[in-house]
């Protein structure tokens, strides 16, 4: 009988301690919340984040013929206006591990939205644009901090350049001693149309005149819509074709070496003799 009472007393003490522990926890909600934060690593009440990418660029509105006061045709002047870019695609991936999360496309306002993102650090990369702009392939690192339902979206603004051609011309004669300025014309190799299909420059029309320096070289970056073009030296018949690609532009390097005829040889001999006598 004494043994039974001893066991009963031990069980009573155990249940009494358990009840006190539960009562203390119920009376201290702050302590309960701290324990929860320690378990999950973030405060309670957090919501997924939203990232909005806004894309714009200089967009060709119209072209105007350029004619000098002397009546010389200088080609076309292209008039641009900054506008939202529609239909461009972006990807977003986690910074650690490079895991692809999702892809989004810009709407009519040029906005691509990534929703339901957990807080963390991401890389945002543009993978396409419309045909009139060049893709900006630089990846941008974006950190999404914890927030709640009242936290506004994180915004990222990106601007694309209009498609263009980087042109370099090296047009010297064989002797490389003349200081003559040489002239070239850049022409449309086909009908050039904008994104909406509107004809802006007919095939065969002069787009831009170009002059070399006295060393026979010329270099410029010229905004051009995607399409086929060609360069023609003044007084020459041989044309040099090139293309401007959608989203990529063009890179044109021309090396032209004119042969030196007998008249040019006489001129060169005279110049060399004059320099020798004057030295």
C-alpha atoms as a PDB file:
ATOM      1  CA  UNK A   1       0.000   0.000   0.000  1.00  0.00           C
ATOM      2  CA  UNK A   2       2.820   2.387   0.827  1.00  0.00           C
ATOM      3  CA  UNK A   3       4.416   1.592  -2.526  1.00  0.00           C
ATOM      4  CA  UNK A   4       1.177   2.500  -4.347  1.00  0.00           C
ATOM      5  CA  UNK A   5       0.999   5.859  -2.554  1.00  0.00           C
ATOM      6  CA  UNK A   6       4.610   6.599  -3.454  1.00  0.00           C
ATOM      7  CA  UNK A   7       3.940   6.002  -7.173  1.00  0.00           C
ATOM      8  CA  UNK A   8       0.801   8.152  -7.044  1.00  0.00           C
ATOM      9  CA  UNK A   9       2.776  11.006  -5.470  1.00  0.00           C
ATOM     10  CA  UNK A  10       5.462  10.815  -8.171  1.00  0.00           C
ATOM     11  CA  UNK A  11       2.877  10.922 -11.019  1.00  0.00           C
ATOM     12  CA  UNK A  12       1.129  13.898  -9.395  1.00  0.00           C
ATOM     13  CA  UNK A  13       4.376  15.848  -9.217  1.00  0.00           C
ATOM     14  CA  UNK A  14       5.136  15.123 -12.910  1.00  0.00           C
ATOM     15  CA  UNK A  15       1.700  16.309 -14.119  1.00  0.00           C
ATOM     16  CA  UNK A  16       1.885  19.341 -11.884  1.00  0.00           C
ATOM     17  CA  UNK A  17       5.212  20.469 -13.435  1.00  0.00           C
ATOM     18  CA  UNK A  18       3.866  19.948 -16.966  1.00  0.00           C
ATOM     19  CA  UNK A  19       0.843  22.088 -16.212  1.00  0.00           C
ATOM     20  CA  UNK A  20       2.986  24.929 -14.848  1.00  0.00           C
ATOM     21  CA  UNK A  21       5.159  24.859 -17.989  1.00  0.00           C
ATOM     22  CA  UNK A  22       2.159  25.073 -20.318  1.00  0.00           C
ATOM     23  CA  UNK A  23       0.667  27.856 -18.275  1.00  0.00           C
ATOM     24  CA  UNK A  24       3.863  29.939 -18.448  1.00  0.00           C
ATOM     25  CA  UNK A  25       4.019  29.553 -22.229  1.00  0.00           C
ATOM     26  CA  UNK A  26       0.430  30.704 -22.682  1.00  0.00           C
ATOM     27  CA  UNK A  27       1.062  33.762 -20.538  1.00  0.00           C
ATOM     28  CA  UNK A  28       4.136  34.848 -22.661  1.00  0.00           C
ATOM     29  CA  UNK A  29       3.197  35.114 -26.396  1.00  0.00           C
ATOM     30  CA  UNK A  30       6.361  37.138 -27.117  1.00  0.00           C
ATOM     31  CA  UNK A  31       8.503  34.220 -26.076  1.00  0.00           C
ATOM     32  CA  UNK A  32       6.448  31.947 -28.303  1.00  0.00           C
ATOM     33  CA  UNK A  33       6.985  34.309 -31.300  1.00  0.00           C
ATOM     34  CA  UNK A  34      10.741  34.434 -30.710  1.00  0.00           C
ATOM     35  CA  UNK A  35      10.870  30.671 -30.748  1.00  0.00           C
ATOM     36  CA  UNK A  36       8.959  30.664 -34.079  1.00  0.00           C
ATOM     37  CA  UNK A  37      11.340  33.199 -35.649  1.00  0.00           C
ATOM     38  CA  UNK A  38      14.292  31.115 -34.579  1.00  0.00           C
ATOM     39  CA  UNK A  39      12.755  28.114 -36.295  1.00  0.00           C
ATOM     40  CA  UNK A  40      11.863  29.636 -39.704  1.00  0.00           C
ATOM     41  CA  UNK A  41      14.501  32.392 -39.924  1.00  0.00           C
ATOM     42  CA  UNK A  42      12.084  35.198 -40.983  1.00  0.00           C
ATOM     43  CA  UNK A  43       9.426  37.200 -39.144  1.00  0.00           C
ATOM     44  CA  UNK A  44       5.825  36.112 -39.370  1.00  0.00           C
ATOM     45  CA  UNK A  45       3.378  37.771 -41.776  1.00  0.00           C
ATOM     46  CA  UNK A  46       5.783  38.025 -44.750  1.00  0.00           C
ATOM     47  CA  UNK A  47       4.447  38.036 -48.312  1.00  0.00           C
ATOM     48  CA  UNK A  48       5.975  37.134 -51.667  1.00  0.00           C
ATOM     49  CA  UNK A  49       7.578  40.064 -53.512  1.00  0.00           C
ATOM     50  CA  UNK A  50       6.995  41.529 -56.981  1.00  0.00           C
ATOM     51  CA  UNK A  51       9.650  42.867 -59.362  1.00  0.00           C
ATOM     52  CA  UNK A  52       8.682  45.149 -62.266  1.00  0.00           C
ATOM     53  CA  UNK A  53      11.096  45.816 -65.138  1.00  0.00           C
ATOM     54  CA  UNK A  54      10.322  48.921 -67.219  1.00  0.00           C
ATOM     55  CA  UNK A  55      11.865  48.974 -70.709  1.00  0.00           C
ATOM     56  CA  UNK A  56      12.038  51.970 -73.050  1.00  0.00           C
ATOM     57  CA  UNK A  57      14.146  53.174 -75.969  1.00  0.00           C
ATOM     58  CA  UNK A  58      14.618  55.770 -78.676  1.00  0.00           C
ATOM     59  CA  UNK A  59      12.070  54.756 -81.328  1.00  0.00           C
ATOM     60  CA  UNK A  60      12.095  55.990 -84.921  1.00  0.00           C
ATOM     61  CA  UNK A  61       9.015  58.158 -85.534  1.00  0.00           C
ATOM     62  CA  UNK A  62       9.629  59.436 -89.057  1.00  0.00           C
ATOM     63  CA  UNK A  63      12.360  60.392 -91.513  1.00  0.00           C
ATOM     64  CA  UNK A  64      12.983  63.708 -93.251  1.00  0.00           C
ATOM     65  CA  UNK A  65      14.931  64.318 -96.457  1.00  0.00           C
ATOM     66  CA  UNK A  66      18.005  66.469 -95.953  1.00  0.00           C
ATOM     67  CA  UNK A  67      18.900  68.850 -98.785  1.00  0.00           C
ATOM     68  CA  UNK A  68      21.548  71.545 -98.401  1.00  0.00           C
ATOM     69  CA  UNK A  69      20.997  75.161 -99.440  1.00  0.00           C
ATOM     70  CA  UNK A  70      23.056  74.357-102.553  1.00  0.00           C
ATOM     71  CA  UNK A  71      20.598  71.586-103.447  1.00  0.00           C
ATOM     72  CA  UNK A  72      22.911  68.710-102.479  1.00  0.00           C
ATOM     73  CA  UNK A  73      21.073  65.595-101.291  1.00  0.00           C
ATOM     74  CA  UNK A  74      22.414  64.514 -97.894  1.00  0.00           C
ATOM     75  CA  UNK A  75      20.052  61.558 -97.477  1.00  0.00           C
ATOM     76  CA  UNK A  76      17.561  61.220 -94.638  1.00  0.00           C
ATOM     77  CA  UNK A  77      17.442  62.646 -91.127  1.00  0.00           C
ATOM     78  CA  UNK A  78      15.891  60.161 -88.725  1.00  0.00           C
ATOM     79  CA  UNK A  79      13.725  61.551 -85.935  1.00  0.00           C
ATOM     80  CA  UNK A  80      13.544  59.479 -82.726  1.00  0.00           C
ATOM     81  CA  UNK A  81      11.341  59.657 -79.626  1.00  0.00           C
ATOM     82  CA  UNK A  82      11.673  57.758 -76.338  1.00  0.00           C
ATOM     83  CA  UNK A  83       8.842  55.238 -76.009  1.00  0.00           C
ATOM     84  CA  UNK A  84       8.012  51.999 -74.115  1.00  0.00           C
ATOM     85  CA  UNK A  85       9.209  48.797 -75.801  1.00  0.00           C
ATOM     86  CA  UNK A  86       6.597  46.048 -76.132  1.00  0.00           C
ATOM     87  CA  UNK A  87       7.187  42.311 -76.500  1.00  0.00           C
ATOM     88  CA  UNK A  88      10.721  42.158 -75.047  1.00  0.00           C
ATOM     89  CA  UNK A  89      11.542  39.125 -72.879  1.00  0.00           C
ATOM     90  CA  UNK A  90      13.419  38.978 -69.587  1.00  0.00           C
ATOM     91  CA  UNK A  91      14.524  36.071 -67.414  1.00  0.00           C
ATOM     92  CA  UNK A  92      15.101  36.061 -63.681  1.00  0.00           C
ATOM     93  CA  UNK A  93      17.203  33.512 -61.836  1.00  0.00           C
ATOM     94  CA  UNK A  94      18.473  32.999 -58.332  1.00  0.00           C
ATOM     95  CA  UNK A  95      21.960  34.408 -57.766  1.00  0.00           C
ATOM     96  CA  UNK A  96      23.140  31.257 -56.012  1.00  0.00           C
ATOM     97  CA  UNK A  97      23.057  28.185 -58.213  1.00  0.00           C
ATOM     98  CA  UNK A  98      21.769  29.991 -61.300  1.00  0.00           C
ATOM     99  CA  UNK A  99      18.381  28.290 -61.114  1.00  0.00           C
ATOM    100  CA  UNK A 100      15.914  29.774 -63.649  1.00  0.00           C
ATOM    101  CA  UNK A 101      12.833  31.024 -61.879  1.00  0.00           C
ATOM    102  CA  UNK A 102      10.637  32.494 -64.612  1.00  0.00           C
ATOM    103  CA  UNK A 103      10.378  34.491 -67.848  1.00  0.00           C
ATOM    104  CA  UNK A 104       8.278  37.629 -68.402  1.00  0.00           C
ATOM    105  CA  UNK A 105       7.441  39.785 -71.438  1.00  0.00           C
ATOM    106  CA  UNK A 106       6.904  43.545 -71.531  1.00  0.00           C
ATOM    107  CA  UNK A 107       3.340  44.743 -72.074  1.00  0.00           C
ATOM    108  CA  UNK A 108       2.061  47.777 -73.996  1.00  0.00           C
ATOM    109  CA  UNK A 109       3.487  50.052 -71.301  1.00  0.00           C
ATOM    110  CA  UNK A 110       6.901  48.381 -71.503  1.00  0.00           C
ATOM    111  CA  UNK A 111       6.543  46.628 -68.118  1.00  0.00           C
ATOM    112  CA  UNK A 112       7.509  43.013 -67.396  1.00  0.00           C
ATOM    113  CA  UNK A 113       6.280  41.746 -64.008  1.00  0.00           C
ATOM    114  CA  UNK A 114       7.735  38.925 -61.907  1.00  0.00           C
ATOM    115  CA  UNK A 115       5.397  37.963 -59.067  1.00  0.00           C
ATOM    116  CA  UNK A 116       5.359  35.525 -56.158  1.00  0.00           C
ATOM    117  CA  UNK A 117       9.106  35.850 -55.559  1.00  0.00           C
ATOM    118  CA  UNK A 118      10.566  34.832 -52.218  1.00  0.00           C
ATOM    119  CA  UNK A 119      12.926  37.338 -50.570  1.00  0.00           C
ATOM    120  CA  UNK A 120      16.453  36.864 -51.836  1.00  0.00           C
ATOM    121  CA  UNK A 121      18.969  37.994 -54.478  1.00  0.00           C
ATOM    122  CA  UNK A 122      18.260  37.504 -58.186  1.00  0.00           C
ATOM    123  CA  UNK A 123      19.815  38.155 -61.597  1.00  0.00           C
ATOM    124  CA  UNK A 124      17.633  39.846 -64.217  1.00  0.00           C
ATOM    125  CA  UNK A 125      18.699  39.443 -67.877  1.00  0.00           C
ATOM    126  CA  UNK A 126      17.164  40.742 -71.087  1.00  0.00           C
ATOM    127  CA  UNK A 127      17.080  38.075 -73.806  1.00  0.00           C
ATOM    128  CA  UNK A 128      15.154  39.838 -76.600  1.00  0.00           C
ATOM    129  CA  UNK A 129      13.811  43.207 -77.706  1.00  0.00           C
ATOM    130  CA  UNK A 130      11.667  44.380 -80.595  1.00  0.00           C
ATOM    131  CA  UNK A 131      13.243  44.531 -84.054  1.00  0.00           C
ATOM    132  CA  UNK A 132      14.046  48.263 -83.808  1.00  0.00           C
ATOM    133  CA  UNK A 133      16.206  48.086 -80.664  1.00  0.00           C
ATOM    134  CA  UNK A 134      19.382  46.384 -79.540  1.00  0.00           C
ATOM    135  CA  UNK A 135      19.275  43.918 -76.645  1.00  0.00           C
ATOM    136  CA  UNK A 136      21.023  45.006 -73.442  1.00  0.00           C
ATOM    137  CA  UNK A 137      22.513  41.691 -72.300  1.00  0.00           C
ATOM    138  CA  UNK A 138      24.012  42.983 -69.041  1.00  0.00           C
ATOM    139  CA  UNK A 139      22.674  40.947 -66.102  1.00  0.00           C
ATOM    140  CA  UNK A 140      21.514  43.072 -63.175  1.00  0.00           C
ATOM    141  CA  UNK A 141      21.635  41.930 -59.569  1.00  0.00           C
ATOM    142  CA  UNK A 142      18.486  42.724 -57.578  1.00  0.00           C
ATOM    143  CA  UNK A 143      17.925  42.066 -53.869  1.00  0.00           C
ATOM    144  CA  UNK A 144      14.343  41.545 -52.668  1.00  0.00           C
ATOM    145  CA  UNK A 145      14.122  42.240 -48.950  1.00  0.00           C
ATOM    146  CA  UNK A 146      11.409  40.777 -46.699  1.00  0.00           C
ATOM    147  CA  UNK A 147       8.146  42.731 -46.702  1.00  0.00           C
ATOM    148  CA  UNK A 148       4.401  42.451 -46.126  1.00  0.00           C
ATOM    149  CA  UNK A 149       1.227  42.994 -48.148  1.00  0.00           C
ATOM    150  CA  UNK A 150       1.777  46.789 -48.066  1.00  0.00           C
ATOM    151  CA  UNK A 151       5.333  46.673 -49.448  1.00  0.00           C
ATOM    152  CA  UNK A 152       5.419  48.161 -53.004  1.00  0.00           C
ATOM    153  CA  UNK A 153       7.008  46.248 -55.915  1.00  0.00           C
ATOM    154  CA  UNK A 154      10.705  46.655 -56.604  1.00  0.00           C
ATOM    155  CA  UNK A 155      11.234  48.495 -59.904  1.00  0.00           C
ATOM    156  CA  UNK A 156      14.083  48.317 -62.411  1.00  0.00           C
ATOM    157  CA  UNK A 157      14.374  50.698 -65.393  1.00  0.00           C
ATOM    158  CA  UNK A 158      16.304  49.671 -68.528  1.00  0.00           C
ATOM    159  CA  UNK A 159      16.776  51.547 -71.813  1.00  0.00           C
ATOM    160  CA  UNK A 160      17.634  49.946 -75.158  1.00  0.00           C
ATOM    161  CA  UNK A 161      19.563  51.703 -77.927  1.00  0.00           C
ATOM    162  CA  UNK A 162      18.084  51.917 -81.396  1.00  0.00           C
ATOM    163  CA  UNK A 163      19.550  49.432 -83.870  1.00  0.00           C
ATOM    164  CA  UNK A 164      22.610  50.938 -85.525  1.00  0.00           C
ATOM    165  CA  UNK A 165      25.590  50.168 -87.708  1.00  0.00           C
ATOM    166  CA  UNK A 166      29.167  50.809 -86.598  1.00  0.00           C
ATOM    167  CA  UNK A 167      30.971  51.651 -89.842  1.00  0.00           C
ATOM    168  CA  UNK A 168      34.716  51.912 -90.363  1.00  0.00           C
ATOM    169  CA  UNK A 169      36.225  52.649 -93.784  1.00  0.00           C
ATOM    170  CA  UNK A 170      39.912  52.540 -94.681  1.00  0.00           C
ATOM    171  CA  UNK A 171      40.150  53.856 -98.236  1.00  0.00           C
ATOM    172  CA  UNK A 172      43.745  54.682 -99.076  1.00  0.00           C
ATOM    173  CA  UNK A 173      45.594  54.246-102.341  1.00  0.00           C
ATOM    174  CA  UNK A 174      48.538  51.901-102.758  1.00  0.00           C
ATOM    175  CA  UNK A 175      51.086  54.616-102.072  1.00  0.00           C
ATOM    176  CA  UNK A 176      49.242  55.827 -98.937  1.00  0.00           C
ATOM    177  CA  UNK A 177      50.628  59.325 -99.473  1.00  0.00           C
ATOM    178  CA  UNK A 178      47.639  61.219-100.840  1.00  0.00           C
ATOM    179  CA  UNK A 179      45.657  63.572 -98.614  1.00  0.00           C
ATOM    180  CA  UNK A 180      42.483  63.476-100.681  1.00  0.00           C
ATOM    181  CA  UNK A 181      39.090  63.400 -98.943  1.00  0.00           C
ATOM    182  CA  UNK A 182      36.940  60.592-100.354  1.00  0.00           C
ATOM    183  CA  UNK A 183      33.152  60.512-100.343  1.00  0.00           C
ATOM    184  CA  UNK A 184      30.789  57.595 -99.902  1.00  0.00           C
ATOM    185  CA  UNK A 185      27.065  57.100 -99.869  1.00  0.00           C
ATOM    186  CA  UNK A 186      25.076  54.696 -97.692  1.00  0.00           C
ATOM    187  CA  UNK A 187      22.011  53.417 -99.565  1.00  0.00           C
ATOM    188  CA  UNK A 188      18.982  51.269 -98.769  1.00  0.00           C
ATOM    189  CA  UNK A 189      19.447  47.839-100.351  1.00  0.00           C
ATOM    190  CA  UNK A 190      15.721  47.103 -99.965  1.00  0.00           C
ATOM    191  CA  UNK A 191      12.546  48.836 -98.829  1.00  0.00           C
ATOM    192  CA  UNK A 192      13.147  49.823 -95.202  1.00  0.00           C
ATOM    193  CA  UNK A 193      10.041  49.540 -93.008  1.00  0.00           C
ATOM    194  CA  UNK A 194       9.405  50.145 -89.324  1.00  0.00           C
ATOM    195  CA  UNK A 195       7.866  47.760 -86.770  1.00  0.00           C
ATOM    196  CA  UNK A 196       4.371  48.589 -88.042  1.00  0.00           C
ATOM    197  CA  UNK A 197       5.335  47.780 -91.635  1.00  0.00           C
ATOM    198  CA  UNK A 198       5.240  51.397 -92.818  1.00  0.00           C
ATOM    199  CA  UNK A 199       7.658  52.157 -95.674  1.00  0.00           C
ATOM    200  CA  UNK A 200      10.186  54.776 -94.579  1.00  0.00           C
ATOM    201  CA  UNK A 201      13.035  54.540 -97.104  1.00  0.00           C
ATOM    202  CA  UNK A 202      12.559  52.976-100.568  1.00  0.00           C
ATOM    203  CA  UNK A 203      15.187  50.641-101.992  1.00  0.00           C
ATOM    204  CA  UNK A 204      18.064  52.419-103.725  1.00  0.00           C
ATOM    205  CA  UNK A 205      17.610  55.732-101.916  1.00  0.00           C
ATOM    206  CA  UNK A 206      20.535  57.530-100.323  1.00  0.00           C
ATOM    207  CA  UNK A 207      20.393  57.233 -96.532  1.00  0.00           C
ATOM    208  CA  UNK A 208      23.527  59.148 -95.554  1.00  0.00           C
ATOM    209  CA  UNK A 209      26.641  60.724 -97.074  1.00  0.00           C
ATOM    210  CA  UNK A 210      30.024  59.950 -95.550  1.00  0.00           C
ATOM    211  CA  UNK A 211      33.455  61.540 -95.996  1.00  0.00           C
ATOM    212  CA  UNK A 212      36.896  60.245 -95.040  1.00  0.00           C
ATOM    213  CA  UNK A 213      39.576  62.344 -93.434  1.00  0.00           C
ATOM    214  CA  UNK A 214      42.775  63.201 -95.322  1.00  0.00           C
ATOM    215  CA  UNK A 215      44.296  59.901 -94.262  1.00  0.00           C
ATOM    216  CA  UNK A 216      41.511  58.073 -96.084  1.00  0.00           C
ATOM    217  CA  UNK A 217      39.638  56.768 -93.027  1.00  0.00           C
ATOM    218  CA  UNK A 218      36.098  57.341 -91.765  1.00  0.00           C
ATOM    219  CA  UNK A 219      34.286  56.026 -88.723  1.00  0.00           C
ATOM    220  CA  UNK A 220      30.762  56.565 -87.386  1.00  0.00           C
ATOM    221  CA  UNK A 221      27.870  54.890 -85.596  1.00  0.00           C
ATOM    222  CA  UNK A 222      24.693  55.400 -87.592  1.00  0.00           C
ATOM    223  CA  UNK A 223      21.173  54.541 -86.308  1.00  0.00           C
ATOM    224  CA  UNK A 224      19.574  52.307 -88.944  1.00  0.00           C
ATOM    225  CA  UNK A 225      16.461  50.161 -88.948  1.00  0.00           C
ATOM    226  CA  UNK A 226      17.040  46.431 -89.542  1.00  0.00           C
ATOM    227  CA  UNK A 227      17.451  45.596 -93.223  1.00  0.00           C
ATOM    228  CA  UNK A 228      19.937  45.393 -96.078  1.00  0.00           C
ATOM    229  CA  UNK A 229      22.094  48.345 -97.105  1.00  0.00           C
ATOM    230  CA  UNK A 230      25.147  49.047 -99.247  1.00  0.00           C
ATOM    231  CA  UNK A 231      28.003  51.558 -99.432  1.00  0.00           C
ATOM    232  CA  UNK A 232      29.038  53.110-102.717  1.00  0.00           C
ATOM    233  CA  UNK A 233      32.141  55.252-103.265  1.00  0.00           C
ATOM    234  CA  UNK A 234      31.594  58.452-105.225  1.00  0.00           C
ATOM    235  CA  UNK A 235      32.526  57.871-108.866  1.00  0.00           C
ATOM    236  CA  UNK A 236      32.726  54.077-108.385  1.00  0.00           C
ATOM    237  CA  UNK A 237      30.362  51.301-109.423  1.00  0.00           C
ATOM    238  CA  UNK A 238      31.335  48.566-106.997  1.00  0.00           C
ATOM    239  CA  UNK A 239      28.942  48.381-104.042  1.00  0.00           C
ATOM    240  CA  UNK A 240      29.644  46.890-100.626  1.00  0.00           C
ATOM    241  CA  UNK A 241      26.611  45.243 -99.051  1.00  0.00           C
ATOM    242  CA  UNK A 242      25.923  44.926 -95.330  1.00  0.00           C
ATOM    243  CA  UNK A 243      22.997  44.087 -93.056  1.00  0.00           C
ATOM    244  CA  UNK A 244      21.592  45.486 -89.831  1.00  0.00           C
ATOM    245  CA  UNK A 245      20.140  42.631 -87.766  1.00  0.00           C
ATOM    246  CA  UNK A 246      17.108  42.967 -85.445  1.00  0.00           C
ATOM    247  CA  UNK A 247      18.235  43.303 -81.850  1.00  0.00           C
ATOM    248  CA  UNK A 248      21.928  43.198 -82.824  1.00  0.00           C
ATOM    249  CA  UNK A 249      22.701  46.049 -85.242  1.00  0.00           C
ATOM    250  CA  UNK A 250      25.662  45.780 -87.598  1.00  0.00           C
ATOM    251  CA  UNK A 251      29.447  46.044 -87.594  1.00  0.00           C
ATOM    252  CA  UNK A 252      30.923  47.008 -90.967  1.00  0.00           C
ATOM    253  CA  UNK A 253      34.639  47.236 -91.711  1.00  0.00           C
ATOM    254  CA  UNK A 254      35.630  48.202 -95.272  1.00  0.00           C
ATOM    255  CA  UNK A 255      39.209  48.232 -96.539  1.00  0.00           C
ATOM    256  CA  UNK A 256      39.524  49.697-100.024  1.00  0.00           C
ATOM    257  CA  UNK A 257      42.897  50.038-101.728  1.00  0.00           C
ATOM    258  CA  UNK A 258      42.835  52.081-104.909  1.00  0.00           C
ATOM    259  CA  UNK A 259      45.576  51.262-107.451  1.00  0.00           C
ATOM    260  CA  UNK A 260      47.961  54.074-108.360  1.00  0.00           C
ATOM    261  CA  UNK A 261      47.982  54.930-112.095  1.00  0.00           C
ATOM    262  CA  UNK A 262      50.784  56.564-114.067  1.00  0.00           C
ATOM    263  CA  UNK A 263      49.423  60.086-113.487  1.00  0.00           C
ATOM    264  CA  UNK A 264      49.317  59.456-109.751  1.00  0.00           C
ATOM    265  CA  UNK A 265      52.891  58.116-109.909  1.00  0.00           C
ATOM    266  CA  UNK A 266      54.050  61.350-111.548  1.00  0.00           C
ATOM    267  CA  UNK A 267      52.276  63.349-108.845  1.00  0.00           C
ATOM    268  CA  UNK A 268      53.872  61.292-106.083  1.00  0.00           C
ATOM    269  CA  UNK A 269      57.365  61.710-107.618  1.00  0.00           C
ATOM    270  CA  UNK A 270      56.815  65.471-107.838  1.00  0.00           C
ATOM    271  CA  UNK A 271      55.704  65.617-104.169  1.00  0.00           C
ATOM    272  CA  UNK A 272      58.676  63.601-102.972  1.00  0.00           C
ATOM    273  CA  UNK A 273      61.065  65.794-104.994  1.00  0.00           C
ATOM    274  CA  UNK A 274      59.462  68.969-103.594  1.00  0.00           C
ATOM    275  CA  UNK A 275      59.821  67.681-100.025  1.00  0.00           C
ATOM    276  CA  UNK A 276      63.482  66.765-100.687  1.00  0.00           C
ATOM    277  CA  UNK A 277      64.325  70.206-102.103  1.00  0.00           C
ATOM    278  CA  UNK A 278      62.613  72.017 -99.260  1.00  0.00           C
ATOM    279  CA  UNK A 279      64.376  69.983 -96.570  1.00  0.00           C
END
